[in-house]
Protein backbone atom coordinates (compact mmCIF):
# COMPACT_ATOMS: atom_id res chain seq x y z
CA UNK A 1 1.12 -2.69 29.44
CA UNK A 2 4.62 -4.39 28.92
CA UNK A 3 7.07 -4.13 31.61
CA UNK A 4 10.05 -1.68 30.75
CA UNK A 5 13.55 -3.14 30.44
CA UNK A 6 15.42 -1.38 33.48
CA UNK A 7 18.99 -2.56 32.82
CA UNK A 8 21.13 0.49 32.47
CA UNK A 9 22.68 -0.45 29.55
CA UNK A 10 19.53 -1.02 27.71
CA UNK A 11 18.50 2.17 28.83
CA UNK A 12 21.36 4.07 27.42
CA UNK A 13 21.38 2.48 23.99
CA UNK A 14 17.23 2.94 23.52
CA UNK A 15 17.96 6.72 24.62
CA UNK A 16 20.46 6.77 21.73
CA UNK A 17 18.39 5.45 19.40
CA UNK A 18 15.38 7.93 20.36
CA UNK A 19 17.92 11.07 20.38
CA UNK A 20 19.00 9.71 16.80
CA UNK A 21 15.63 9.16 15.68
CA UNK A 22 14.90 12.96 16.50
CA UNK A 23 17.90 14.28 14.92
CA UNK A 24 17.09 12.67 11.70
CA UNK A 25 13.39 13.20 11.47
CA UNK A 26 14.05 17.00 11.71
CA UNK A 27 16.03 16.51 8.36
CA UNK A 28 13.89 14.10 6.31
CA UNK A 29 10.10 12.62 6.30
CA UNK A 30 9.88 10.09 9.24
CA UNK A 31 9.19 7.11 7.08
CA UNK A 32 12.07 7.50 4.93
CA UNK A 33 14.65 6.85 7.65
CA UNK A 34 16.60 3.90 7.30
CA UNK A 35 17.93 1.43 9.89
CA UNK A 36 21.57 2.30 8.39
CA UNK A 37 21.05 6.15 9.03
CA UNK A 38 19.67 5.42 12.36
CA UNK A 39 22.27 2.88 13.49
CA UNK A 40 25.13 5.09 12.28
CA UNK A 41 23.62 8.35 13.85
CA UNK A 42 23.21 6.60 17.12
CA UNK A 43 26.34 4.64 17.13
CA UNK A 44 25.12 1.30 17.56
CA UNK A 45 25.47 -1.82 15.30
CA UNK A 46 22.47 -3.33 13.36
CA UNK A 47 22.60 -6.28 15.90
CA UNK A 48 22.00 -3.82 18.68
CA UNK A 49 19.27 -1.75 16.96
CA UNK A 50 17.16 -5.30 16.13
CA UNK A 51 17.37 -6.20 19.85
CA UNK A 52 15.34 -2.74 20.47
CA UNK A 53 13.31 -2.63 17.69
CA UNK A 54 12.09 -3.95 14.18
CA UNK A 55 11.97 -0.27 12.29
CA UNK A 56 13.05 3.16 12.59
CA UNK A 57 9.50 4.19 12.70
CA UNK A 58 9.33 2.80 16.30
CA UNK A 59 11.76 4.93 17.62
CA UNK A 60 10.31 7.99 15.71
CA UNK A 61 6.72 7.26 17.52
CA UNK A 62 8.85 6.81 20.72
CA UNK A 63 9.75 10.54 20.35
CA UNK A 64 5.90 11.74 20.13
CA UNK A 65 4.67 9.19 22.63
CA UNK A 66 7.55 9.97 25.18
CA UNK A 67 6.24 13.61 24.98
CA UNK A 68 2.46 12.81 25.93
CA UNK A 69 3.12 9.77 27.98
CA UNK A 70 3.52 11.50 31.47
CA UNK A 71 0.01 13.05 30.78
CA UNK A 72 -1.51 9.79 29.34
CA UNK A 73 -0.30 8.11 32.80
CA UNK A 74 -2.27 10.97 34.38
CA UNK A 75 -5.28 10.19 32.78
CA UNK A 76 -5.12 6.57 34.19
CA UNK A 77 -4.38 7.98 37.62
CA UNK A 78 -7.29 10.07 37.44
CA UNK A 79 -9.52 7.85 36.63
CA UNK A 80 -8.41 5.26 39.19
CA UNK A 81 -9.43 7.83 41.63
CA UNK A 82 -12.15 9.46 40.21
CA UNK A 83 -14.43 11.83 41.90
CA UNK A 84 -16.88 14.33 41.14
CA UNK A 85 -14.56 16.73 39.92
CA UNK A 86 -12.88 13.94 37.53
CA UNK A 87 -13.89 15.91 34.41
CA UNK A 88 -12.31 19.11 35.47
CA UNK A 89 -9.17 17.19 36.49
CA UNK A 90 -9.31 15.13 32.92
CA UNK A 91 -9.69 18.63 31.23
CA UNK A 92 -6.49 20.06 33.12
CA UNK A 93 -4.73 16.82 32.15
CA UNK A 94 -5.52 17.23 28.36
CA UNK A 95 -4.63 20.89 28.27
CA UNK A 96 -1.08 20.20 29.94
CA UNK A 97 -0.76 17.62 27.05
CA UNK A 98 -1.63 19.64 24.28
CA UNK A 99 0.96 22.62 25.79
CA UNK A 100 3.61 19.96 25.84
CA UNK A 101 2.69 18.99 22.22
CA UNK A 102 2.96 22.99 21.22
CA UNK A 103 6.30 23.33 22.88
CA UNK A 104 7.58 20.57 20.61
CA UNK A 105 5.55 22.06 17.57
CA UNK A 106 8.58 21.43 14.97
CA UNK A 107 9.02 17.89 15.79
CA UNK A 108 5.39 16.96 16.08
CA UNK A 109 4.64 18.71 12.64
CA UNK A 110 7.65 16.58 10.98
CA UNK A 111 5.92 13.41 12.55
CA UNK A 112 2.56 14.14 11.61
CA UNK A 113 2.20 16.40 9.08
CA UNK A 114 1.59 15.29 5.38
CA UNK A 115 0.43 11.74 4.52
CA UNK A 116 3.53 9.95 4.37
CA UNK A 117 3.69 9.07 8.12
CA UNK A 118 1.46 6.17 8.17
CA UNK A 119 3.96 3.94 9.45
CA UNK A 120 5.12 5.96 12.46
CA UNK A 121 1.62 7.03 13.30
CA UNK A 122 0.93 3.25 13.32
CA UNK A 123 3.42 2.88 15.79
CA UNK A 124 2.17 5.88 17.78
CA UNK A 125 -1.21 4.23 17.69
CA UNK A 126 0.21 0.74 18.99
CA UNK A 127 1.89 2.61 21.84
CA UNK A 128 -1.23 4.61 22.53
CA UNK A 129 -3.48 1.38 22.67
CA UNK A 130 -1.35 0.13 25.54
CA UNK A 131 -2.27 3.24 27.58
CA UNK A 132 -5.82 3.40 26.84
CA UNK A 133 -6.52 -0.37 27.27
CA UNK A 134 -5.55 0.85 31.27
CA UNK A 135 -7.63 3.80 30.72
CA UNK A 136 -10.70 1.77 29.48
CA UNK A 137 -10.10 -1.03 32.19
CA UNK A 138 -10.31 1.86 34.99
CA UNK A 139 -13.57 3.08 33.61
CA UNK A 140 -15.06 -0.31 33.42
CA UNK A 141 -14.09 -1.04 36.83
CA UNK A 142 -16.16 2.09 38.17
CA UNK A 143 -19.16 0.95 36.67
CA UNK A 144 -21.92 -0.50 38.96
CA UNK A 145 -24.36 -3.15 37.74
CA UNK A 146 -23.11 -2.77 34.08
CA UNK A 147 -22.19 -5.52 31.72
CA UNK A 148 -19.43 -4.62 29.70
CA UNK A 149 -18.78 -6.74 26.57
CA UNK A 150 -15.35 -7.30 25.01
CA UNK A 151 -16.68 -5.53 21.82
CA UNK A 152 -17.69 -2.11 23.59
CA UNK A 153 -14.14 -2.27 25.58
CA UNK A 154 -12.15 -2.89 22.24
CA UNK A 155 -14.30 0.04 20.39
CA UNK A 156 -13.70 2.24 23.50
CA UNK A 157 -10.08 1.70 23.35
CA UNK A 158 -9.81 2.24 19.44
CA UNK A 159 -11.89 5.46 19.57
CA UNK A 160 -9.79 6.77 22.39
CA UNK A 161 -6.53 6.20 20.21
CA UNK A 162 -7.98 7.27 17.09
CA UNK A 163 -9.37 10.51 18.69
CA UNK A 164 -6.23 11.83 19.97
CA UNK A 165 -4.16 11.15 16.86
CA UNK A 166 -7.30 12.99 15.12
CA UNK A 167 -7.14 16.09 17.75
CA UNK A 168 -3.46 16.63 17.11
CA UNK A 169 -3.60 16.11 13.14
CA UNK A 170 -6.63 18.76 12.96
CA UNK A 171 -4.77 21.26 15.27
CA UNK A 172 -1.59 20.75 13.06
CA UNK A 173 -3.41 21.31 10.09
CA UNK A 174 -4.62 24.54 11.46
CA UNK A 175 -0.96 25.64 12.71
CA UNK A 176 -1.82 25.19 16.22
CA UNK A 177 -3.27 28.69 16.15
CA UNK A 178 -5.90 27.74 18.54
CA UNK A 179 -4.91 27.66 22.25
CA UNK A 180 -4.77 24.30 23.96
CA UNK A 181 -8.06 25.40 26.03
CA UNK A 182 -10.00 26.13 22.93
CA UNK A 183 -8.62 22.68 21.54
CA UNK A 184 -10.04 20.85 24.33
CA UNK A 185 -13.25 22.71 24.55
CA UNK A 186 -13.90 21.78 20.79
CA UNK A 187 -12.90 18.19 21.76
CA UNK A 188 -15.28 18.05 24.59
CA UNK A 189 -18.21 18.90 21.77
CA UNK A 190 -17.33 15.69 20.08
CA UNK A 191 -16.11 13.38 22.86
CA UNK A 192 -18.09 9.97 23.12
CA UNK A 193 -20.97 10.16 25.80
CA UNK A 194 -19.45 7.75 28.07
CA UNK A 195 -15.97 9.64 28.54
CA UNK A 196 -18.11 12.55 29.94
CA UNK A 197 -19.51 10.41 32.73
CA UNK A 198 -20.11 12.08 35.98
CA UNK A 199 -18.65 10.23 38.84
CA UNK A 200 -20.17 9.79 42.29
CA UNK A 201 -18.05 10.92 45.57
CA UNK A 202 -17.21 7.25 45.98
CA UNK A 203 -15.85 7.34 42.29
CA UNK A 204 -18.49 5.05 40.57
């Protein structure tokens, strides 16, 4: 995953752009937000904007990814210290992530609802890919005596990204009526077998 810019001024401007994206996405379809609208709302110049991104859709994507990123980081941490209770830990983290999404229903629904958000979802998928690369690499490191091809790795990463987006979209289409626990249980009936692997005490 690319290193984050830790310069305080950069962080402040980035935060203003993300806040502006959140404000605007509650007013209009995410893909229709323009650079002019975003810079005006954030109070930054177009030059400053392009130092941080290339499209308003990136900042809208940041809104939803920032909600779930702490939980995604926990996935990577959990698999890097995998043990026999890994699946219970994985389930606990997934439920926590869905609770966070449901707590932010209004904004998540604005971003994912309908079919006009393809650009934004593309950026969401791009950011998710960075995290799931680390997740799959940690899983790969736990396999003993197995040769994993680059094709398998790329397919596993893409599978995780697609599955998470699909879970969010499907849950929204049912108005998030089911509890996070039911959503996770349903997902587990569809999860790829490798994701349900049982780890030994030593984490392999």
